[in-house]
Protein backbone atom coordinates (compact mmCIF):
# COMPACT_ATOMS: atom_id res chain seq x y z
CA MET A 1 0.00 0.00 0.00
CA LEU A 2 1.23 3.50 -0.86
CA LEU A 3 0.01 6.92 0.27
CA ILE A 4 0.72 10.17 -1.58
CA LYS A 5 0.19 13.19 0.67
CA ASN A 6 0.77 16.93 0.96
CA GLY A 7 -0.04 17.90 -2.64
CA THR A 8 -2.70 19.68 -4.66
CA ILE A 9 -4.67 16.82 -6.20
CA LEU A 10 -5.82 17.47 -9.77
CA THR A 11 -8.37 14.67 -10.14
CA MET A 12 -9.77 15.75 -13.55
CA ILE A 13 -13.30 15.02 -12.34
CA GLY A 14 -13.82 17.87 -9.89
CA GLU A 15 -12.23 20.78 -8.09
CA PRO A 16 -8.56 20.51 -7.05
CA ILE A 17 -8.08 19.12 -3.56
CA GLU A 18 -5.64 21.32 -1.65
CA ASN A 19 -3.26 19.37 0.58
CA GLY A 20 -4.99 16.16 -0.48
CA GLN A 21 -4.05 12.51 -0.51
CA VAL A 22 -4.18 9.50 -2.82
CA LEU A 23 -4.04 5.90 -1.59
CA VAL A 24 -2.81 3.10 -3.87
CA ASP A 25 -2.89 -0.67 -3.46
CA ASN A 26 -2.27 -3.55 -5.88
CA GLY A 27 -1.75 -1.17 -8.79
CA LYS A 28 -5.09 0.60 -8.33
CA ILE A 29 -6.28 3.84 -6.72
CA ILE A 30 -8.36 2.89 -3.68
CA ASN A 31 -9.06 6.34 -2.22
CA VAL A 32 -8.71 10.04 -3.04
CA GLY A 33 -9.53 12.83 -0.62
CA LYS A 34 -8.59 15.58 1.79
CA TYR A 35 -7.62 13.14 4.51
CA ILE A 36 -7.38 9.36 4.24
CA SER A 37 -7.26 7.21 7.35
CA VAL A 38 -4.74 4.39 6.98
CA THR A 39 -4.86 1.63 9.59
CA GLU A 40 -1.86 -0.36 8.39
CA ASN A 41 1.72 0.50 7.59
CA CYS A 42 2.25 1.78 4.09
CA GLN A 43 4.85 3.53 1.99
CA VAL A 44 4.45 7.32 2.04
CA ILE A 45 5.37 9.72 -0.76
CA ASP A 46 5.43 13.38 0.28
CA ALA A 47 4.46 15.62 -2.64
CA ASN A 48 6.01 18.55 -0.75
CA GLY A 49 3.34 21.02 -1.82
CA GLY A 50 3.53 20.01 -5.47
CA PHE A 51 0.79 18.95 -7.88
CA VAL A 52 -0.53 15.38 -8.13
CA MET A 53 -2.35 14.44 -11.33
CA PRO A 54 -3.26 11.44 -13.48
CA GLY A 55 -0.65 10.11 -15.86
CA ILE A 56 -0.55 12.20 -19.03
CA ILE A 57 -1.97 10.63 -22.21
CA ASP A 58 -0.95 11.35 -25.81
CA ALA A 59 -3.85 10.27 -28.05
CA HIS A 60 -1.84 10.45 -31.30
CA CYS A 61 1.86 9.83 -31.73
CA HIS A 62 4.31 7.49 -33.40
CA ILE A 63 6.61 6.69 -30.49
CA GLY A 64 8.58 3.50 -31.01
CA MET A 65 7.70 3.53 -34.72
CA TRP A 66 10.36 6.10 -35.64
CA GLU A 67 13.15 5.49 -33.16
CA GLU A 68 15.29 8.26 -31.71
CA GLY A 69 18.70 8.78 -33.31
CA LEU A 70 18.16 6.30 -36.13
CA GLY A 71 17.45 6.66 -39.83
CA PHE A 72 16.05 3.90 -42.02
CA GLU A 73 16.96 1.20 -39.48
CA GLY A 74 14.49 2.62 -36.95
CA SER A 75 11.85 3.90 -39.37
CA ASP A 76 8.92 1.48 -39.27
CA GLY A 77 5.86 3.71 -39.49
CA ASN A 78 5.05 3.93 -43.21
CA GLU A 79 4.82 0.97 -45.58
CA ILE A 80 4.97 3.08 -48.76
CA THR A 81 4.45 0.18 -51.16
CA ASP A 82 0.66 0.00 -51.21
CA PRO A 83 -1.84 2.80 -50.48
CA ALA A 84 -4.10 0.43 -48.51
CA THR A 85 -2.48 -1.56 -45.70
CA PRO A 86 -5.15 -2.07 -43.02
CA GLN A 87 -3.62 -5.40 -42.01
CA LEU A 88 -0.53 -3.75 -40.48
CA ARG A 89 -0.34 -3.66 -36.67
CA ALA A 90 1.65 -1.12 -34.70
CA ILE A 91 2.49 -3.70 -32.03
CA ASP A 92 4.71 -5.49 -34.57
CA ALA A 93 6.86 -2.38 -35.07
CA ILE A 94 7.00 -0.60 -31.69
CA ASN A 95 10.38 -0.88 -29.99
CA PRO A 96 9.96 -0.37 -26.20
CA ARG A 97 13.72 0.10 -25.88
CA ASP A 98 13.54 3.39 -27.79
CA ILE A 99 14.90 6.08 -25.42
CA ALA A 100 11.78 8.15 -26.15
CA PHE A 101 9.80 5.84 -23.85
CA THR A 102 12.11 6.59 -20.92
CA GLU A 103 11.85 10.31 -21.64
CA ALA A 104 8.07 9.95 -21.81
CA TYR A 105 7.43 8.32 -18.44
CA GLU A 106 10.15 10.28 -16.64
CA ASN A 107 8.27 13.42 -17.67
CA GLY A 108 4.82 12.14 -16.74
CA VAL A 109 3.51 10.72 -20.02
CA THR A 110 2.34 7.28 -18.92
CA CYS A 111 0.06 6.22 -21.79
CA VAL A 112 0.13 6.77 -25.56
CA CYS A 113 -1.81 5.80 -28.66
CA THR A 114 0.84 5.10 -31.28
CA GLY A 115 0.79 3.74 -34.78
CA PRO A 116 1.43 4.11 -38.51
CA GLY A 117 2.05 7.39 -40.28
CA SER A 118 0.01 9.05 -43.02
CA ALA A 119 1.72 7.98 -46.23
CA ASN A 120 -1.05 5.52 -47.06
CA VAL A 121 -4.76 6.10 -47.51
CA ILE A 122 -5.29 3.26 -45.04
CA GLY A 123 -2.17 2.98 -42.92
CA GLY A 124 -2.89 0.25 -40.40
CA GLN A 125 -3.78 -0.29 -36.77
CA PHE A 126 -2.81 1.99 -33.87
CA ALA A 127 -2.24 0.53 -30.39
CA THR A 128 -2.72 2.11 -26.96
CA ILE A 129 0.09 1.26 -24.55
CA LYS A 130 1.66 2.22 -21.24
CA THR A 131 5.09 3.80 -21.67
CA LYS A 132 7.06 1.59 -19.28
CA GLY A 133 7.95 -1.97 -20.20
CA ILE A 134 10.34 -4.42 -21.79
CA ARG A 135 7.89 -6.44 -23.87
CA ILE A 136 5.24 -4.65 -25.91
CA ASP A 137 2.69 -7.39 -25.20
CA ASP A 138 2.82 -6.49 -21.50
CA MET A 139 2.36 -2.75 -22.14
CA VAL A 140 -0.83 -2.96 -24.21
CA LEU A 141 -4.18 -1.47 -23.18
CA GLN A 142 -5.67 -1.77 -26.67
CA GLN A 143 -3.89 -3.97 -29.20
CA THR A 144 -6.08 -2.48 -31.92
CA ALA A 145 -7.12 0.98 -30.80
CA SER A 146 -8.09 2.44 -34.17
CA MET A 147 -7.49 2.27 -37.92
CA LYS A 148 -5.37 5.03 -39.45
CA ILE A 149 -6.69 6.70 -42.61
CA ALA A 150 -5.21 9.76 -44.27
CA PHE A 151 -6.33 12.61 -46.51
CA GLY A 152 -4.56 15.59 -48.03
CA GLU A 153 -0.96 16.07 -49.06
CA ASN A 154 0.78 13.03 -47.65
CA PRO A 155 -0.77 10.13 -49.60
CA LYS A 156 -0.81 12.05 -52.89
CA ARG A 157 2.79 13.23 -52.46
CA CYS A 158 4.10 9.77 -51.56
CA TYR A 159 2.37 7.98 -54.43
CA ASN A 160 2.81 10.71 -57.04
CA ALA A 161 6.54 10.25 -56.48
CA LYS A 162 6.02 6.57 -57.34
CA LYS A 163 3.89 7.49 -60.41
CA GLN A 164 0.88 5.63 -59.10
CA SER A 165 -2.50 6.32 -57.54
CA PRO A 166 -3.41 8.24 -55.45
CA SER A 167 -1.93 11.36 -56.98
CA THR A 168 -5.04 13.45 -56.29
CA ARG A 169 -7.48 14.00 -53.44
CA MET A 170 -10.14 12.37 -55.63
CA ALA A 171 -8.16 9.16 -55.79
CA THR A 172 -7.50 9.15 -52.06
CA ALA A 173 -11.23 9.30 -51.32
CA ALA A 174 -11.99 6.75 -54.07
CA ILE A 175 -9.48 4.21 -52.72
CA LEU A 176 -10.96 4.50 -49.22
CA ARG A 177 -14.50 4.04 -50.58
CA GLU A 178 -13.35 1.11 -52.70
CA TYR A 179 -11.97 -0.78 -49.72
CA ILE A 180 -15.01 -0.08 -47.57
CA LEU A 181 -17.30 -1.36 -50.33
CA LYS A 182 -15.06 -4.38 -50.95
CA THR A 183 -15.24 -5.17 -47.24
CA LYS A 184 -19.04 -4.91 -47.20
CA ASN A 185 -19.24 -7.26 -50.18
CA TYR A 186 -16.71 -9.61 -48.56
CA MET A 187 -18.82 -9.73 -45.39
CA GLU A 188 -22.02 -10.42 -47.32
CA ASN A 189 -20.49 -13.28 -49.29
CA LYS A 190 -18.18 -14.69 -46.64
CA GLU A 191 -20.15 -17.88 -46.07
CA LYS A 192 -20.30 -18.65 -49.79
CA ASN A 193 -16.70 -17.66 -50.53
CA SER A 194 -13.93 -19.57 -48.75
CA SER A 195 -11.08 -17.30 -49.92
CA PHE A 196 -9.43 -15.34 -47.11
CA ASP A 197 -8.45 -11.66 -47.52
CA MET A 198 -6.39 -10.29 -44.63
CA LYS A 199 -6.89 -6.66 -45.66
CA LEU A 200 -10.67 -6.96 -45.76
CA GLU A 201 -10.78 -9.02 -42.56
CA SER A 202 -8.92 -6.17 -40.84
CA LEU A 203 -11.52 -3.67 -42.07
CA ILE A 204 -14.60 -5.61 -40.90
CA PRO A 205 -14.63 -3.95 -37.42
CA VAL A 206 -14.33 -0.55 -39.14
CA VAL A 207 -17.29 -1.22 -41.44
CA LYS A 208 -19.33 -2.53 -38.50
CA GLY A 209 -18.67 0.71 -36.60
CA GLU A 210 -16.86 -1.20 -33.86
CA LEU A 211 -13.38 0.21 -34.54
CA ASN A 212 -12.63 3.92 -34.71
CA VAL A 213 -10.82 5.42 -37.70
CA LYS A 214 -8.18 8.06 -37.00
CA ALA A 215 -8.61 10.45 -39.90
CA HIS A 216 -5.45 12.44 -40.66
CA ALA A 217 -6.79 15.73 -42.04
CA HIS A 218 -5.28 19.22 -41.82
CA ARG A 219 -7.13 21.36 -44.38
CA THR A 220 -10.82 22.25 -44.20
CA ASP A 221 -11.68 20.46 -47.44
CA ASP A 222 -9.92 17.29 -46.26
CA ILE A 223 -11.72 17.44 -42.92
CA PHE A 224 -15.06 17.69 -44.72
CA THR A 225 -14.13 14.79 -47.03
CA ALA A 226 -13.36 12.65 -43.99
CA ILE A 227 -16.74 13.56 -42.49
CA ARG A 228 -18.55 12.95 -45.79
CA ILE A 229 -17.17 9.40 -46.05
CA ALA A 230 -17.70 8.66 -42.35
CA LYS A 231 -21.36 9.65 -42.64
CA GLU A 232 -21.76 7.82 -45.95
CA PHE A 233 -20.72 4.51 -44.38
CA GLY A 234 -21.57 5.06 -40.71
CA LEU A 235 -17.94 5.01 -39.57
CA LYS A 236 -16.85 5.78 -36.03
CA MET A 237 -14.20 8.49 -36.43
CA THR A 238 -11.94 11.02 -34.75
CA LEU A 239 -10.45 14.00 -36.57
CA GLU A 240 -6.67 13.88 -36.21
CA HIS A 241 -4.62 17.12 -36.41
CA CYS A 242 -7.64 19.21 -37.48
CA THR A 243 -5.19 22.04 -38.17
CA GLU A 244 -7.74 24.31 -39.88
CA GLY A 245 -10.52 23.28 -37.51
CA HIS A 246 -10.72 26.76 -36.03
CA LEU A 247 -11.87 28.05 -39.42
CA ILE A 248 -14.89 25.71 -39.44
CA ALA A 249 -15.48 25.19 -35.72
CA GLU A 250 -19.25 25.74 -35.79
CA GLU A 251 -19.64 23.25 -38.63
CA LEU A 252 -17.55 20.65 -36.79
CA ALA A 253 -19.57 21.13 -33.61
CA LYS A 254 -22.71 20.17 -35.55
CA GLU A 255 -21.12 16.91 -36.70
CA GLY A 256 -20.12 15.64 -33.25
CA PHE A 257 -16.70 14.14 -34.03
CA ALA A 258 -13.94 14.59 -31.44
CA ALA A 259 -10.75 16.36 -32.54
CA ILE A 260 -7.24 15.36 -31.51
CA VAL A 261 -5.44 18.62 -32.19
CA GLY A 262 -1.81 19.20 -33.09
CA PRO A 263 1.07 19.28 -33.45
CA SER A 264 0.70 23.04 -33.15
CA PHE A 265 4.33 23.74 -32.23
CA GLY A 266 7.02 24.20 -34.88
CA SER A 267 7.24 25.56 -38.38
CA LYS A 268 4.61 25.50 -41.10
CA SER A 269 6.54 22.85 -43.01
CA LYS A 270 4.03 22.23 -45.81
CA VAL A 271 1.15 23.94 -47.60
CA GLU A 272 -1.65 22.38 -45.56
CA LEU A 273 -0.11 23.78 -42.35
CA ARG A 274 -0.34 27.43 -43.41
CA GLU A 275 -3.14 28.11 -40.90
CA LYS A 276 -1.48 26.27 -38.01
CA THR A 277 -2.01 28.01 -34.66
CA PHE A 278 -2.25 27.16 -30.97
CA GLU A 279 -5.64 28.90 -31.02
CA THR A 280 -7.28 25.90 -32.73
CA ALA A 281 -7.92 23.95 -29.51
CA ALA A 282 -9.59 26.90 -27.77
CA VAL A 283 -11.80 27.80 -30.74
CA LEU A 284 -12.95 24.20 -31.19
CA HIS A 285 -13.64 23.75 -27.47
CA LYS A 286 -15.62 26.98 -27.24
CA ALA A 287 -17.72 25.85 -30.22
CA GLY A 288 -18.54 22.59 -28.42
CA VAL A 289 -16.08 20.14 -30.00
CA LYS A 290 -14.49 17.61 -27.64
CA ILE A 291 -10.72 18.00 -27.89
CA ALA A 292 -7.49 16.29 -26.96
CA ILE A 293 -4.01 17.67 -27.62
CA MET A 294 -1.31 15.56 -29.30
CA THR A 295 2.42 15.77 -30.03
CA ASP A 296 2.53 13.59 -33.17
CA HIS A 297 5.91 12.38 -31.83
CA PRO A 298 8.55 12.50 -33.23
CA VAL A 299 7.28 15.78 -34.74
CA ILE A 300 7.23 17.12 -31.18
CA PRO A 301 8.95 14.92 -28.56
CA VAL A 302 6.17 13.20 -26.63
CA HIS A 303 7.46 14.34 -23.23
CA HIS A 304 6.71 17.96 -24.23
CA LEU A 305 2.94 17.32 -24.28
CA PRO A 306 2.34 19.46 -21.14
CA MET A 307 4.17 22.34 -22.85
CA CYS A 308 1.86 22.03 -25.88
CA ALA A 309 -1.17 22.22 -23.58
CA ALA A 310 0.34 25.24 -21.83
CA PHE A 311 0.79 27.04 -25.16
CA ALA A 312 -2.87 26.31 -25.92
CA VAL A 313 -3.76 28.03 -22.64
CA ARG A 314 -1.70 31.05 -23.63
CA ALA A 315 -3.66 31.07 -26.92
CA GLY A 316 -7.07 31.15 -25.20
CA LEU A 317 -7.91 27.65 -23.89
CA ASP A 318 -8.92 27.62 -20.23
CA GLU A 319 -6.50 25.82 -17.91
CA GLU A 320 -8.94 23.16 -16.72
CA THR A 321 -9.84 22.09 -20.26
CA ALA A 322 -6.17 22.07 -21.26
CA LEU A 323 -5.41 19.67 -18.39
CA LYS A 324 -8.35 17.50 -19.42
CA ALA A 325 -7.09 17.58 -23.03
CA ILE A 326 -4.02 15.58 -21.98
CA THR A 327 -5.72 13.30 -19.42
CA ILE A 328 -9.42 12.43 -19.21
CA ASN A 329 -10.42 13.69 -22.67
CA PRO A 330 -7.97 11.47 -24.58
CA ALA A 331 -8.91 8.59 -22.27
CA GLU A 332 -12.59 9.03 -23.14
CA ILE A 333 -11.90 9.55 -26.84
CA LEU A 334 -9.76 6.40 -26.97
CA GLY A 335 -12.27 4.39 -24.94
CA ILE A 336 -9.95 3.66 -22.00
CA SER A 337 -11.43 6.02 -19.39
CA GLU A 338 -12.53 3.11 -17.20
CA ARG A 339 -8.82 2.56 -16.47
CA VAL A 340 -6.92 5.85 -16.89
CA GLY A 341 -7.29 9.61 -17.31
CA SER A 342 -8.42 10.68 -13.83
CA LEU A 343 -7.68 10.04 -10.18
CA GLU A 344 -10.65 7.90 -9.20
CA ILE A 345 -11.19 4.81 -7.10
CA ASN A 346 -10.53 1.52 -8.97
CA LYS A 347 -8.61 3.16 -11.80
CA ASP A 348 -5.02 2.25 -12.66
CA ALA A 349 -2.58 4.03 -10.36
CA ASP A 350 -0.88 6.01 -13.14
CA ILE A 351 0.05 9.11 -11.15
CA VAL A 352 2.45 12.01 -11.69
CA ILE A 353 3.77 14.46 -9.11
CA PHE A 354 5.11 17.82 -10.32
CA ASP A 355 7.03 20.25 -8.11
CA LYS A 356 5.19 23.18 -9.76
CA HIS A 357 2.00 23.45 -11.78
CA PRO A 358 2.44 21.16 -14.82
CA PHE A 359 2.00 24.13 -17.17
CA ASP A 360 4.91 26.02 -15.56
CA ILE A 361 7.78 25.74 -18.05
CA GLN A 362 10.15 25.10 -15.13
CA ALA A 363 8.03 22.34 -13.58
CA LYS A 364 9.72 18.99 -13.05
CA THR A 365 8.31 15.61 -12.22
CA THR A 366 9.39 14.43 -8.78
CA CYS A 367 7.72 11.02 -8.91
CA VAL A 368 5.89 8.94 -11.52
CA LEU A 369 3.83 5.80 -10.94
CA ILE A 370 2.50 3.39 -13.56
CA ASP A 371 0.13 0.68 -12.34
CA GLY A 372 1.07 1.61 -8.79
CA GLU A 373 4.79 1.02 -9.35
CA ILE A 374 7.24 3.88 -8.91
CA VAL A 375 8.94 4.04 -12.30
CA PHE A 376 10.74 7.35 -11.71
CA LYS A 377 11.75 9.33 -8.66
CA ARG A 378 13.90 12.45 -8.89
């Protein structure tokens, strides 16, 4: 049993608890409050007036897929040989020994959704994992968290260079529709047809609306194309990046899709990023769109996720929502909120202690727990 005391508890489900406490046992949170009576001996962690919060969650990154300090040898995120590769699984490429994982959990990022890049129209399957571990199989929360699809510049640029389709936005949308329709036909004739198709098998949960699609879309027209196809086929979808979302916030609020916003830090490195701004998250939230904030690691190193949320606050997002955008909101969007994202009884004891408010640029983690185990102590 372990007791964290003498900190401001940011539960993500209510008001902060000044000088509060959190009690942990067997990897789970068993109590949160102003004062917790403990009748047996337990390990005590003194937060020393710091801030205690749930482990930080990045809902969209590529950690372990593009390894730190390596070129081709550690680049396993884009299979640029076929524009439709739904059968690919992130768990077969993630390297837990990538130093980025250590940097992640030492800085409070305890859970990530990571997977293929956006070269292909259908890129493959993201996984949701804890950031501490030796074997990827033991780190998994969701082996198949979502299916990556992509619109805009990336697929057309990658395949135009190969002189093949898709070289236009029309072709990108057509290829996605083609595979959805092929899957529907495959499902309808499965009993009569004994031939196995791994690609179409992988898309069955998508077509059934059981598996979310992560729709890479920066520009307004690409966002609307993603929505058009999702509505056409009844797909469950989140809008990834949503870079120009602030330009169409009221329209997006009507549609009801969550937006995982970012990476908003860095240069406008391509045409579809011309409107990139940290204001996007605030504008979308104020319009009524549910938001999370991402790093898109390695675009922004995953351990800088709190900094990205802090910049969103400076650009107009309220502090409480910004904290939720890197904790409970991504947990709810990813469908893992029964385990992580807030400090509540029976949830995984993924807990971070900061010496200052997490949005203070000088704040440091003093202690990090994953599943109730101390994985870092300064």
